[in-house]
Amino acid sequence: MSFVKILDVNVQFLKAATGKDFMDEVSRDIERKLDHIGDTPGSSYSRLDIVQLIGSIEAAKFRYLQGTITAKQLYRDVAVQLDRFKMQHPGFDYLNDSVLNTYFS
């Protein structure tokens, strides 16, 4: 999973972002996509942790679309979130994480 793929604002994201309940939709979408993979054995994080991480990344992308943050700020925000997550969960590697790969694919 590349950092660029995580930052991608694709057509599906754009369609969802036009809805009134964007964050609720994102939460449901995260849960729906993650239901297909179940729990990841041996992972250093809980399902709730990864759902919160993905939600915060999607919220940053939404703020970017609204124009409240710049592309540079989006990049920094997501990088900080991933670094913080890695500090809390030492075995986490976003480049090889199956959950992030499933969600952002």
PDB file of N, CA and C in Angstrom:
ATOM      1  N   MET A   1       0.841  -1.160   0.000  1.00  0.00           N
ATOM      2  CA  MET A   1       0.000   0.000   0.000  1.00  0.00           C
ATOM      3  C   MET A   1       0.890   1.228   0.000  1.00  0.00           C
ATOM      4  N   SER A   2       0.727   2.043  -0.971  1.00  0.00           N
ATOM      5  CA  SER A   2       1.549   3.246  -1.056  1.00  0.00           C
ATOM      6  C   SER A   2       0.862   4.420  -0.338  1.00  0.00           C
ATOM      7  N   PHE A   3       1.662   5.372   0.054  1.00  0.00           N
ATOM      8  CA  PHE A   3       1.145   6.572   0.701  1.00  0.00           C
ATOM      9  C   PHE A   3       0.232   7.324  -0.263  1.00  0.00           C
ATOM     10  N   VAL A   4       0.575   7.319  -1.523  1.00  0.00           N
ATOM     11  CA  VAL A   4      -0.230   7.992  -2.549  1.00  0.00           C
ATOM     12  C   VAL A   4      -1.621   7.364  -2.622  1.00  0.00           C
ATOM     13  N   LYS A   5      -1.699   6.054  -2.522  1.00  0.00           N
ATOM     14  CA  LYS A   5      -2.992   5.359  -2.573  1.00  0.00           C
ATOM     15  C   LYS A   5      -3.858   5.749  -1.377  1.00  0.00           C
ATOM     16  N   ILE A   6      -3.237   5.914  -0.214  1.00  0.00           N
ATOM     17  CA  ILE A   6      -3.974   6.334   0.971  1.00  0.00           C
ATOM     18  C   ILE A   6      -4.536   7.744   0.787  1.00  0.00           C
ATOM     19  N   LEU A   7      -3.777   8.620   0.162  1.00  0.00           N
ATOM     20  CA  LEU A   7      -4.203  10.005  -0.046  1.00  0.00           C
ATOM     21  C   LEU A   7      -5.165  10.177  -1.218  1.00  0.00           C
ATOM     22  N   ASP A   8      -5.356   9.142  -2.004  1.00  0.00           N
ATOM     23  CA  ASP A   8      -6.169   9.225  -3.210  1.00  0.00           C
ATOM     24  C   ASP A   8      -7.596   9.686  -2.900  1.00  0.00           C
ATOM     25  N   VAL A   9      -8.042  10.669  -3.650  1.00  0.00           N
ATOM     26  CA  VAL A   9      -9.422  11.146  -3.574  1.00  0.00           C
ATOM     27  C   VAL A   9     -10.082  10.678  -4.860  1.00  0.00           C
ATOM     28  N   ASN A  10     -10.596   9.443  -4.833  1.00  0.00           N
ATOM     29  CA  ASN A  10     -11.153   8.842  -6.039  1.00  0.00           C
ATOM     30  C   ASN A  10     -12.627   9.204  -6.219  1.00  0.00           C
ATOM     31  N   VAL A  11     -13.223   8.717  -7.274  1.00  0.00           N
ATOM     32  CA  VAL A  11     -14.608   9.048  -7.614  1.00  0.00           C
ATOM     33  C   VAL A  11     -15.566   8.622  -6.507  1.00  0.00           C
ATOM     34  N   GLN A  12     -15.364   7.443  -5.947  1.00  0.00           N
ATOM     35  CA  GLN A  12     -16.248   6.978  -4.872  1.00  0.00           C
ATOM     36  C   GLN A  12     -16.177   7.921  -3.670  1.00  0.00           C
ATOM     37  N   PHE A  13     -14.969   8.363  -3.345  1.00  0.00           N
ATOM     38  CA  PHE A  13     -14.797   9.284  -2.233  1.00  0.00           C
ATOM     39  C   PHE A  13     -15.496  10.604  -2.535  1.00  0.00           C
ATOM     40  N   LEU A  14     -15.342  11.089  -3.750  1.00  0.00           N
ATOM     41  CA  LEU A  14     -15.987  12.354  -4.136  1.00  0.00           C
ATOM     42  C   LEU A  14     -17.505  12.254  -4.056  1.00  0.00           C
ATOM     43  N   LYS A  15     -18.064  11.147  -4.504  1.00  0.00           N
ATOM     44  CA  LYS A  15     -19.516  10.961  -4.433  1.00  0.00           C
ATOM     45  C   LYS A  15     -19.982  10.948  -2.989  1.00  0.00           C
ATOM     46  N   ALA A  16     -19.262  10.226  -2.141  1.00  0.00           N
ATOM     47  CA  ALA A  16     -19.634  10.155  -0.727  1.00  0.00           C
ATOM     48  C   ALA A  16     -19.509  11.518  -0.059  1.00  0.00           C
ATOM     49  N   ALA A  17     -18.513  12.286  -0.448  1.00  0.00           N
ATOM     50  CA  ALA A  17     -18.251  13.579   0.185  1.00  0.00           C
ATOM     51  C   ALA A  17     -19.345  14.596  -0.102  1.00  0.00           C
ATOM     52  N   THR A  18     -20.147  14.364  -1.127  1.00  0.00           N
ATOM     53  CA  THR A  18     -21.217  15.299  -1.444  1.00  0.00           C
ATOM     54  C   THR A  18     -22.454  15.071  -0.573  1.00  0.00           C
ATOM     55  N   GLY A  19     -22.493  13.945   0.124  1.00  0.00           N
ATOM     56  CA  GLY A  19     -23.640  13.640   0.979  1.00  0.00           C
ATOM     57  C   GLY A  19     -23.628  14.432   2.276  1.00  0.00           C
ATOM     58  N   LYS A  20     -24.813  14.555   2.873  1.00  0.00           N
ATOM     59  CA  LYS A  20     -24.948  15.304   4.121  1.00  0.00           C
ATOM     60  C   LYS A  20     -24.250  14.603   5.280  1.00  0.00           C
ATOM     61  N   ASP A  21     -24.376  13.321   5.335  1.00  0.00           N
ATOM     62  CA  ASP A  21     -23.851  12.535   6.447  1.00  0.00           C
ATOM     63  C   ASP A  21     -22.559  11.836   6.056  1.00  0.00           C
ATOM     64  N   PHE A  22     -21.625  12.610   5.546  1.00  0.00           N
ATOM     65  CA  PHE A  22     -20.392  12.036   5.014  1.00  0.00           C
ATOM     66  C   PHE A  22     -19.668  11.145   6.016  1.00  0.00           C
ATOM     67  N   MET A  23     -19.423  11.627   7.229  1.00  0.00           N
ATOM     68  CA  MET A  23     -18.651  10.848   8.189  1.00  0.00           C
ATOM     69  C   MET A  23     -19.402   9.591   8.620  1.00  0.00           C
ATOM     70  N   ASP A  24     -20.722   9.660   8.705  1.00  0.00           N
ATOM     71  CA  ASP A  24     -21.495   8.448   9.005  1.00  0.00           C
ATOM     72  C   ASP A  24     -21.350   7.439   7.873  1.00  0.00           C
ATOM     73  N   GLU A  25     -21.401   7.939   6.637  1.00  0.00           N
ATOM     74  CA  GLU A  25     -21.213   7.070   5.476  1.00  0.00           C
ATOM     75  C   GLU A  25     -19.823   6.442   5.485  1.00  0.00           C
ATOM     76  N   VAL A  26     -18.820   7.238   5.813  1.00  0.00           N
ATOM     77  CA  VAL A  26     -17.450   6.730   5.866  1.00  0.00           C
ATOM     78  C   VAL A  26     -17.344   5.638   6.917  1.00  0.00           C
ATOM     79  N   SER A  27     -17.926   5.871   8.081  1.00  0.00           N
ATOM     80  CA  SER A  27     -17.878   4.867   9.155  1.00  0.00           C
ATOM     81  C   SER A  27     -18.529   3.562   8.709  1.00  0.00           C
ATOM     82  N   ARG A  28     -19.676   3.652   8.065  1.00  0.00           N
ATOM     83  CA  ARG A  28     -20.353   2.445   7.570  1.00  0.00           C
ATOM     84  C   ARG A  28     -19.522   1.761   6.491  1.00  0.00           C
ATOM     85  N   ASP A  29     -18.917   2.561   5.614  1.00  0.00           N
ATOM     86  CA  ASP A  29     -18.093   2.004   4.542  1.00  0.00           C
ATOM     87  C   ASP A  29     -16.867   1.282   5.110  1.00  0.00           C
ATOM     88  N   ILE A  30     -16.246   1.877   6.102  1.00  0.00           N
ATOM     89  CA  ILE A  30     -15.086   1.245   6.742  1.00  0.00           C
ATOM     90  C   ILE A  30     -15.511  -0.096   7.330  1.00  0.00           C
ATOM     91  N   GLU A  31     -16.577  -0.092   8.102  1.00  0.00           N
ATOM     92  CA  GLU A  31     -17.053  -1.327   8.738  1.00  0.00           C
ATOM     93  C   GLU A  31     -17.410  -2.384   7.688  1.00  0.00           C
ATOM     94  N   ARG A  32     -18.097  -1.960   6.634  1.00  0.00           N
ATOM     95  CA  ARG A  32     -18.502  -2.903   5.582  1.00  0.00           C
ATOM     96  C   ARG A  32     -17.288  -3.540   4.929  1.00  0.00           C
ATOM     97  N   LYS A  33     -16.293  -2.728   4.579  1.00  0.00           N
ATOM     98  CA  LYS A  33     -15.102  -3.261   3.921  1.00  0.00           C
ATOM     99  C   LYS A  33     -14.297  -4.153   4.858  1.00  0.00           C
ATOM    100  N   LEU A  34     -14.230  -3.773   6.133  1.00  0.00           N
ATOM    101  CA  LEU A  34     -13.435  -4.556   7.075  1.00  0.00           C
ATOM    102  C   LEU A  34     -14.145  -5.828   7.508  1.00  0.00           C
ATOM    103  N   ASP A  35     -15.465  -5.874   7.375  1.00  0.00           N
ATOM    104  CA  ASP A  35     -16.194  -7.106   7.700  1.00  0.00           C
ATOM    105  C   ASP A  35     -15.750  -8.259   6.819  1.00  0.00           C
ATOM    106  N   HIS A  36     -15.325  -7.952   5.610  1.00  0.00           N
ATOM    107  CA  HIS A  36     -14.909  -8.997   4.675  1.00  0.00           C
ATOM    108  C   HIS A  36     -13.605  -9.671   5.093  1.00  0.00           C
ATOM    109  N   ILE A  37     -12.802  -8.979   5.876  1.00  0.00           N
ATOM    110  CA  ILE A  37     -11.520  -9.586   6.253  1.00  0.00           C
ATOM    111  C   ILE A  37     -11.497 -10.077   7.691  1.00  0.00           C
ATOM    112  N   GLY A  38     -12.477  -9.687   8.501  1.00  0.00           N
ATOM    113  CA  GLY A  38     -12.517 -10.139   9.890  1.00  0.00           C
ATOM    114  C   GLY A  38     -11.335  -9.603  10.678  1.00  0.00           C
ATOM    115  N   ASP A  39     -11.003 -10.280  11.752  1.00  0.00           N
ATOM    116  CA  ASP A  39      -9.866  -9.870  12.578  1.00  0.00           C
ATOM    117  C   ASP A  39      -8.576 -10.332  11.933  1.00  0.00           C
ATOM    118  N   THR A  40      -7.561  -9.512  12.041  1.00  0.00           N
ATOM    119  CA  THR A  40      -6.266  -9.848  11.475  1.00  0.00           C
ATOM    120  C   THR A  40      -5.421 -10.504  12.567  1.00  0.00           C
ATOM    121  N   PRO A  41      -5.202 -11.809  12.465  1.00  0.00           N
ATOM    122  CA  PRO A  41      -4.428 -12.476  13.507  1.00  0.00           C
ATOM    123  C   PRO A  41      -2.990 -11.954  13.551  1.00  0.00           C
ATOM    124  N   GLY A  42      -2.495 -11.761  14.753  1.00  0.00           N
ATOM    125  CA  GLY A  42      -1.116 -11.320  14.913  1.00  0.00           C
ATOM    126  C   GLY A  42      -0.909  -9.833  14.738  1.00  0.00           C
ATOM    127  N   SER A  43      -1.976  -9.075  14.492  1.00  0.00           N
ATOM    128  CA  SER A  43      -1.796  -7.637  14.313  1.00  0.00           C
ATOM    129  C   SER A  43      -1.584  -6.989  15.678  1.00  0.00           C
ATOM    130  N   SER A  44      -0.939  -5.851  15.656  1.00  0.00           N
ATOM    131  CA  SER A  44      -0.607  -5.165  16.905  1.00  0.00           C
ATOM    132  C   SER A  44      -1.680  -4.161  17.315  1.00  0.00           C
ATOM    133  N   TYR A  45      -2.823  -4.160  16.640  1.00  0.00           N
ATOM    134  CA  TYR A  45      -3.882  -3.196  16.911  1.00  0.00           C
ATOM    135  C   TYR A  45      -5.233  -3.878  16.905  1.00  0.00           C
ATOM    136  N   SER A  46      -6.194  -3.209  17.508  1.00  0.00           N
ATOM    137  CA  SER A  46      -7.558  -3.739  17.521  1.00  0.00           C
ATOM    138  C   SER A  46      -8.324  -3.201  16.313  1.00  0.00           C
ATOM    139  N   ARG A  47      -9.455  -3.787  16.075  1.00  0.00           N
ATOM    140  CA  ARG A  47     -10.315  -3.340  14.973  1.00  0.00           C
ATOM    141  C   ARG A  47     -10.729  -1.887  15.189  1.00  0.00           C
ATOM    142  N   LEU A  48     -11.078  -1.531  16.410  1.00  0.00           N
ATOM    143  CA  LEU A  48     -11.474  -0.159  16.714  1.00  0.00           C
ATOM    144  C   LEU A  48     -10.342   0.818  16.413  1.00  0.00           C
ATOM    145  N   ASP A  49      -9.108   0.440  16.741  1.00  0.00           N
ATOM    146  CA  ASP A  49      -7.951   1.300  16.468  1.00  0.00           C
ATOM    147  C   ASP A  49      -7.816   1.595  14.977  1.00  0.00           C
ATOM    148  N   ILE A  50      -7.912   0.567  14.157  1.00  0.00           N
ATOM    149  CA  ILE A  50      -7.705   0.763  12.713  1.00  0.00           C
ATOM    150  C   ILE A  50      -8.894   1.512  12.099  1.00  0.00           C
ATOM    151  N   VAL A  51     -10.094   1.291  12.619  1.00  0.00           N
ATOM    152  CA  VAL A  51     -11.271   2.022  12.137  1.00  0.00           C
ATOM    153  C   VAL A  51     -11.100   3.509  12.438  1.00  0.00           C
ATOM    154  N   GLN A  52     -10.606   3.829  13.628  1.00  0.00           N
ATOM    155  CA  GLN A  52     -10.374   5.229  13.989  1.00  0.00           C
ATOM    156  C   GLN A  52      -9.291   5.847  13.115  1.00  0.00           C
ATOM    157  N   LEU A  53      -8.230   5.102  12.828  1.00  0.00           N
ATOM    158  CA  LEU A  53      -7.167   5.611  11.957  1.00  0.00           C
ATOM    159  C   LEU A  53      -7.710   5.917  10.568  1.00  0.00           C
ATOM    160  N   ILE A  54      -8.417   4.979   9.987  1.00  0.00           N
ATOM    161  CA  ILE A  54      -8.964   5.180   8.643  1.00  0.00           C
ATOM    162  C   ILE A  54      -9.947   6.343   8.646  1.00  0.00           C
ATOM    163  N   GLY A  55     -10.784   6.419   9.667  1.00  0.00           N
ATOM    164  CA  GLY A  55     -11.736   7.517   9.770  1.00  0.00           C
ATOM    165  C   GLY A  55     -11.049   8.873   9.840  1.00  0.00           C
ATOM    166  N   SER A  56      -9.954   8.944  10.585  1.00  0.00           N
ATOM    167  CA  SER A  56      -9.240  10.230  10.688  1.00  0.00           C
ATOM    168  C   SER A  56      -8.551  10.599   9.372  1.00  0.00           C
ATOM    169  N   ILE A  57      -8.088   9.603   8.646  1.00  0.00           N
ATOM    170  CA  ILE A  57      -7.491   9.864   7.326  1.00  0.00           C
ATOM    171  C   ILE A  57      -8.560  10.378   6.367  1.00  0.00           C
ATOM    172  N   GLU A  58      -9.716   9.719   6.374  1.00  0.00           N
ATOM    173  CA  GLU A  58     -10.800  10.136   5.486  1.00  0.00           C
ATOM    174  C   GLU A  58     -11.315  11.526   5.870  1.00  0.00           C
ATOM    175  N   ALA A  59     -11.344  11.839   7.162  1.00  0.00           N
ATOM    176  CA  ALA A  59     -11.771  13.168   7.610  1.00  0.00           C
ATOM    177  C   ALA A  59     -10.796  14.236   7.116  1.00  0.00           C
ATOM    178  N   ALA A  60      -9.504  13.938   7.139  1.00  0.00           N
ATOM    179  CA  ALA A  60      -8.500  14.888   6.636  1.00  0.00           C
ATOM    180  C   ALA A  60      -8.690  15.110   5.136  1.00  0.00           C
ATOM    181  N   LYS A  61      -8.965  14.050   4.396  1.00  0.00           N
ATOM    182  CA  LYS A  61      -9.208  14.189   2.957  1.00  0.00           C
ATOM    183  C   LYS A  61     -10.454  15.041   2.698  1.00  0.00           C
ATOM    184  N   PHE A  62     -11.464  14.876   3.536  1.00  0.00           N
ATOM    185  CA  PHE A  62     -12.687  15.658   3.406  1.00  0.00           C
ATOM    186  C   PHE A  62     -12.411  17.138   3.668  1.00  0.00           C
ATOM    187  N   ARG A  63     -11.613  17.440   4.699  1.00  0.00           N
ATOM    188  CA  ARG A  63     -11.246  18.833   4.979  1.00  0.00           C
ATOM    189  C   ARG A  63     -10.477  19.432   3.805  1.00  0.00           C
ATOM    190  N   TYR A  64      -9.658  18.624   3.158  1.00  0.00           N
ATOM    191  CA  TYR A  64      -8.931  19.070   1.967  1.00  0.00           C
ATOM    192  C   TYR A  64      -9.921  19.431   0.851  1.00  0.00           C
ATOM    193  N   LEU A  65     -10.902  18.574   0.622  1.00  0.00           N
ATOM    194  CA  LEU A  65     -11.899  18.846  -0.417  1.00  0.00           C
ATOM    195  C   LEU A  65     -12.712  20.101  -0.115  1.00  0.00           C
ATOM    196  N   GLN A  66     -12.950  20.352   1.152  1.00  0.00           N
ATOM    197  CA  GLN A  66     -13.693  21.545   1.545  1.00  0.00           C
ATOM    198  C   GLN A  66     -12.849  22.810   1.428  1.00  0.00           C
ATOM    199  N   GLY A  67     -11.542  22.641   1.295  1.00  0.00           N
ATOM    200  CA  GLY A  67     -10.658  23.781   1.177  1.00  0.00           C
ATOM    201  C   GLY A  67     -10.190  24.335   2.509  1.00  0.00           C
ATOM    202  N   THR A  68     -10.429  23.596   3.588  1.00  0.00           N
ATOM    203  CA  THR A  68     -10.002  24.087   4.899  1.00  0.00           C
ATOM    204  C   THR A  68      -8.539  23.770   5.192  1.00  0.00           C
ATOM    205  N   ILE A  69      -7.974  22.823   4.455  1.00  0.00           N
ATOM    206  CA  ILE A  69      -6.541  22.556   4.556  1.00  0.00           C
ATOM    207  C   ILE A  69      -5.971  22.424   3.144  1.00  0.00           C
ATOM    208  N   THR A  70      -4.684  22.670   3.010  1.00  0.00           N
ATOM    209  CA  THR A  70      -4.015  22.557   1.714  1.00  0.00           C
ATOM    210  C   THR A  70      -3.573  21.112   1.482  1.00  0.00           C
ATOM    211  N   ALA A  71      -3.134  20.838   0.276  1.00  0.00           N
ATOM    212  CA  ALA A  71      -2.619  19.505  -0.041  1.00  0.00           C
ATOM    213  C   ALA A  71      -1.402  19.180   0.828  1.00  0.00           C
ATOM    214  N   LYS A  72      -0.577  20.173   1.059  1.00  0.00           N
ATOM    215  CA  LYS A  72       0.603  19.974   1.910  1.00  0.00           C
ATOM    216  C   LYS A  72       0.183  19.631   3.339  1.00  0.00           C
ATOM    217  N   GLN A  73      -0.839  20.317   3.846  1.00  0.00           N
ATOM    218  CA  GLN A  73      -1.333  20.019   5.187  1.00  0.00           C
ATOM    219  C   GLN A  73      -1.964  18.630   5.246  1.00  0.00           C
ATOM    220  N   LEU A  74      -2.674  18.244   4.188  1.00  0.00           N
ATOM    221  CA  LEU A  74      -3.249  16.900   4.119  1.00  0.00           C
ATOM    222  C   LEU A  74      -2.142  15.863   4.219  1.00  0.00           C
ATOM    223  N   TYR A  75      -1.111  16.048   3.431  1.00  0.00           N
ATOM    224  CA  TYR A  75       0.024  15.120   3.440  1.00  0.00           C
ATOM    225  C   TYR A  75       0.610  15.019   4.847  1.00  0.00           C
ATOM    226  N   ARG A  76       0.853  16.168   5.472  1.00  0.00           N
ATOM    227  CA  ARG A  76       1.441  16.182   6.814  1.00  0.00           C
ATOM    228  C   ARG A  76       0.513  15.543   7.837  1.00  0.00           C
ATOM    229  N   ASP A  77      -0.770  15.881   7.772  1.00  0.00           N
ATOM    230  CA  ASP A  77      -1.737  15.320   8.728  1.00  0.00           C
ATOM    231  C   ASP A  77      -1.766  13.797   8.663  1.00  0.00           C
ATOM    232  N   VAL A  78      -1.843  13.265   7.459  1.00  0.00           N
ATOM    233  CA  VAL A  78      -1.907  11.819   7.304  1.00  0.00           C
ATOM    234  C   VAL A  78      -0.584  11.174   7.726  1.00  0.00           C
ATOM    235  N   ALA A  79       0.526  11.782   7.379  1.00  0.00           N
ATOM    236  CA  ALA A  79       1.829  11.243   7.797  1.00  0.00           C
ATOM    237  C   ALA A  79       1.949  11.211   9.318  1.00  0.00           C
ATOM    238  N   VAL A  80       1.495  12.267   9.971  1.00  0.00           N
ATOM    239  CA  VAL A  80       1.540  12.320  11.439  1.00  0.00           C
ATOM    240  C   VAL A  80       0.628  11.250  12.039  1.00  0.00           C
ATOM    241  N   GLN A  81      -0.564  11.080  11.479  1.00  0.00           N
ATOM    242  CA  GLN A  81      -1.490  10.066  11.980  1.00  0.00           C
ATOM    243  C   GLN A  81      -0.891   8.667  11.854  1.00  0.00           C
ATOM    244  N   LEU A  82      -0.274   8.385  10.705  1.00  0.00           N
ATOM    245  CA  LEU A  82       0.337   7.072  10.503  1.00  0.00           C
ATOM    246  C   LEU A  82       1.524   6.869  11.441  1.00  0.00           C
ATOM    247  N   ASP A  83       2.337   7.905  11.623  1.00  0.00           N
ATOM    248  CA  ASP A  83       3.480   7.808  12.538  1.00  0.00           C
ATOM    249  C   ASP A  83       3.022   7.604  13.977  1.00  0.00           C
ATOM    250  N   ARG A  84       2.008   8.331  14.385  1.00  0.00           N
ATOM    251  CA  ARG A  84       1.469   8.194  15.742  1.00  0.00           C
ATOM    252  C   ARG A  84       0.912   6.787  15.957  1.00  0.00           C
ATOM    253  N   PHE A  85       0.213   6.286  14.949  1.00  0.00           N
ATOM    254  CA  PHE A  85      -0.349   4.938  15.040  1.00  0.00           C
ATOM    255  C   PHE A  85       0.771   3.910  15.180  1.00  0.00           C
ATOM    256  N   LYS A  86       1.846   4.112  14.425  1.00  0.00           N
ATOM    257  CA  LYS A  86       2.986   3.188  14.492  1.00  0.00           C
ATOM    258  C   LYS A  86       3.652   3.237  15.868  1.00  0.00           C
ATOM    259  N   MET A  87       3.707   4.418  16.471  1.00  0.00           N
ATOM    260  CA  MET A  87       4.288   4.530  17.811  1.00  0.00           C
ATOM    261  C   MET A  87       3.427   3.795  18.843  1.00  0.00           C
ATOM    262  N   GLN A  88       2.114   3.857  18.672  1.00  0.00           N
ATOM    263  CA  GLN A  88       1.201   3.181  19.594  1.00  0.00           C
ATOM    264  C   GLN A  88       1.153   1.678  19.346  1.00  0.00           C
ATOM    265  N   HIS A  89       1.426   1.276  18.108  1.00  0.00           N
ATOM    266  CA  HIS A  89       1.353  -0.131  17.698  1.00  0.00           C
ATOM    267  C   HIS A  89       2.630  -0.472  16.933  1.00  0.00           C
ATOM    268  N   PRO A  90       3.708  -0.793  17.660  1.00  0.00           N
ATOM    269  CA  PRO A  90       5.044  -0.932  17.061  1.00  0.00           C
ATOM    270  C   PRO A  90       5.157  -1.875  15.857  1.00  0.00           C
ATOM    271  N   GLY A  91       4.320  -2.869  15.752  1.00  0.00           N
ATOM    272  CA  GLY A  91       4.423  -3.783  14.616  1.00  0.00           C
ATOM    273  C   GLY A  91       3.727  -3.289  13.362  1.00  0.00           C
ATOM    274  N   PHE A  92       3.111  -2.133  13.428  1.00  0.00           N
ATOM    275  CA  PHE A  92       2.328  -1.608  12.311  1.00  0.00           C
ATOM    276  C   PHE A  92       3.235  -1.074  11.210  1.00  0.00           C
ATOM    277  N   ASP A  93       2.935  -1.463   9.977  1.00  0.00           N
ATOM    278  CA  ASP A  93       3.643  -0.960   8.799  1.00  0.00           C
ATOM    279  C   ASP A  93       2.589  -0.707   7.720  1.00  0.00           C
ATOM    280  N   TYR A  94       2.263   0.556   7.489  1.00  0.00           N
ATOM    281  CA  TYR A  94       1.175   0.863   6.555  1.00  0.00           C
ATOM    282  C   TYR A  94       1.461   0.371   5.139  1.00  0.00           C
ATOM    283  N   LEU A  95       2.722   0.235   4.784  1.00  0.00           N
ATOM    284  CA  LEU A  95       3.051  -0.232   3.432  1.00  0.00           C
ATOM    285  C   LEU A  95       2.650  -1.690   3.212  1.00  0.00           C
ATOM    286  N   ASN A  96       2.648  -2.479   4.279  1.00  0.00           N
ATOM    287  CA  ASN A  96       2.356  -3.912   4.159  1.00  0.00           C
ATOM    288  C   ASN A  96       1.133  -4.339   4.956  1.00  0.00           C
ATOM    289  N   ASP A  97       0.328  -3.404   5.416  1.00  0.00           N
ATOM    290  CA  ASP A  97      -0.809  -3.753   6.249  1.00  0.00           C
ATOM    291  C   ASP A  97      -1.993  -4.208   5.393  1.00  0.00           C
ATOM    292  N   SER A  98      -2.482  -5.404   5.672  1.00  0.00           N
ATOM    293  CA  SER A  98      -3.559  -5.981   4.855  1.00  0.00           C
ATOM    294  C   SER A  98      -4.874  -5.225   5.030  1.00  0.00           C
ATOM    295  N   VAL A  99      -5.129  -4.698   6.228  1.00  0.00           N
ATOM    296  CA  VAL A  99      -6.379  -3.974   6.460  1.00  0.00           C
ATOM    297  C   VAL A  99      -6.401  -2.673   5.670  1.00  0.00           C
ATOM    298  N   LEU A 100      -5.335  -1.892   5.752  1.00  0.00           N
ATOM    299  CA  LEU A 100      -5.284  -0.659   4.968  1.00  0.00           C
ATOM    300  C   LEU A 100      -5.333  -0.959   3.475  1.00  0.00           C
ATOM    301  N   ASN A 101      -4.642  -1.997   3.066  1.00  0.00           N
ATOM    302  CA  ASN A 101      -4.656  -2.387   1.652  1.00  0.00           C
ATOM    303  C   ASN A 101      -6.075  -2.731   1.211  1.00  0.00           C
ATOM    304  N   THR A 102      -6.814  -3.458   2.039  1.00  0.00           N
ATOM    305  CA  THR A 102      -8.181  -3.814   1.700  1.00  0.00           C
ATOM    306  C   THR A 102      -9.063  -2.577   1.623  1.00  0.00           C
ATOM    307  N   TYR A 103      -8.940  -1.692   2.581  1.00  0.00           N
ATOM    308  CA  TYR A 103      -9.813  -0.524   2.596  1.00  0.00           C
ATOM    309  C   TYR A 103      -9.508   0.438   1.447  1.00  0.00           C
ATOM    310  N   PHE A 104      -8.242   0.738   1.222  1.00  0.00           N
ATOM    311  CA  PHE A 104      -7.890   1.763   0.239  1.00  0.00           C
ATOM    312  C   PHE A 104      -7.726   1.218  -1.179  1.00  0.00           C
ATOM    313  N   SER A 105      -8.034  -0.026  -1.390  1.00  0.00           N
ATOM    314  CA  SER A 105      -7.958  -0.600  -2.748  1.00  0.00           C
ATOM    315  C   SER A 105      -9.260  -0.433  -3.482  1.00  0.00           C
TER     316      SER A 105
END
